[in-house]
Amino acid sequence: MGKIEELLQEINQLSIEEAKILYKELLRRIATPLRDPEEIFDDWNDPEVDKAYAKSW
C-alpha cells in the first residue's frame, strides 16, 4: 500500500481542477470499452450465462 498512500498524499496537493482532470483520466482508463465487449468478457456469447442472467431478473 506504500505506493497508493504516496499517490493519495500527492492527490491532496492538487487543485480541484487538476483533481477533476485526474479523475476523468482514471475513469477513461478503467472503463470497459463498449465497442468490443468480447475482449473483456470471455463468456459474452455464452447461452448458459445468458440463461442464468435472465433468471436473476
Protein backbone atom coordinates (compact mmCIF):
# COMPACT_ATOMS: atom_id res chain seq x y z
CA MET A 1 0.00 0.00 0.00
CA GLY A 2 3.00 2.31 0.19
CA LYS A 3 2.72 3.46 -3.41
CA ILE A 4 -1.04 4.07 -3.10
CA GLU A 5 -0.55 6.05 0.11
CA GLU A 6 2.06 8.20 -1.66
CA LEU A 7 -0.31 8.83 -4.55
CA LEU A 8 -3.17 9.74 -2.21
CA GLN A 9 -0.95 12.27 -0.46
CA GLU A 10 0.02 13.77 -3.82
CA ILE A 11 -3.62 13.96 -4.88
CA ASN A 12 -4.35 16.04 -1.79
CA GLN A 13 -1.94 18.65 -3.15
CA LEU A 14 -3.81 19.00 -6.46
CA SER A 15 -6.17 21.84 -7.19
CA ILE A 16 -9.84 20.98 -7.70
CA GLU A 17 -9.43 21.36 -11.47
CA GLU A 18 -6.37 19.09 -11.52
CA ALA A 19 -8.19 16.50 -9.42
CA LYS A 20 -11.14 16.56 -11.84
CA ILE A 21 -8.80 16.02 -14.80
CA LEU A 22 -7.11 13.13 -12.97
CA TYR A 23 -10.50 11.61 -12.09
CA LYS A 24 -11.70 11.75 -15.69
CA GLU A 25 -8.48 10.18 -16.94
CA LEU A 26 -8.66 7.36 -14.40
CA LEU A 27 -12.27 6.66 -15.36
CA ARG A 28 -11.32 6.60 -19.02
CA ARG A 29 -8.54 4.10 -18.36
CA ILE A 30 -10.60 1.67 -16.29
CA ALA A 31 -13.87 1.88 -18.20
CA THR A 32 -14.95 -1.23 -20.07
CA PRO A 33 -14.99 -0.49 -23.77
CA LEU A 34 -18.46 -0.93 -25.22
CA ARG A 35 -17.30 -1.37 -28.79
CA ASP A 36 -15.67 -4.80 -28.18
CA PRO A 37 -17.09 -6.37 -25.01
CA GLU A 38 -15.90 -9.81 -26.17
CA GLU A 39 -12.34 -8.66 -25.45
CA ILE A 40 -13.22 -8.15 -21.78
CA PHE A 41 -15.85 -10.83 -21.11
CA ASP A 42 -14.83 -14.33 -22.17
CA ASP A 43 -18.42 -15.53 -21.68
CA TRP A 44 -20.05 -12.75 -23.71
CA ASN A 45 -21.89 -15.03 -26.16
CA ASP A 46 -22.39 -17.97 -23.82
CA PRO A 47 -26.05 -19.15 -23.88
CA GLU A 48 -25.75 -20.72 -20.40
CA VAL A 49 -24.57 -17.44 -18.91
CA ASP A 50 -27.36 -15.57 -20.69
CA LYS A 51 -29.90 -18.06 -19.32
CA ALA A 52 -28.57 -17.72 -15.77
CA TYR A 53 -28.59 -13.93 -16.03
CA ALA A 54 -32.16 -13.90 -17.32
CA LYS A 55 -33.30 -15.87 -14.26
CA SER A 56 -31.91 -13.21 -11.93
CA TRP A 57 -34.33 -10.59 -13.27
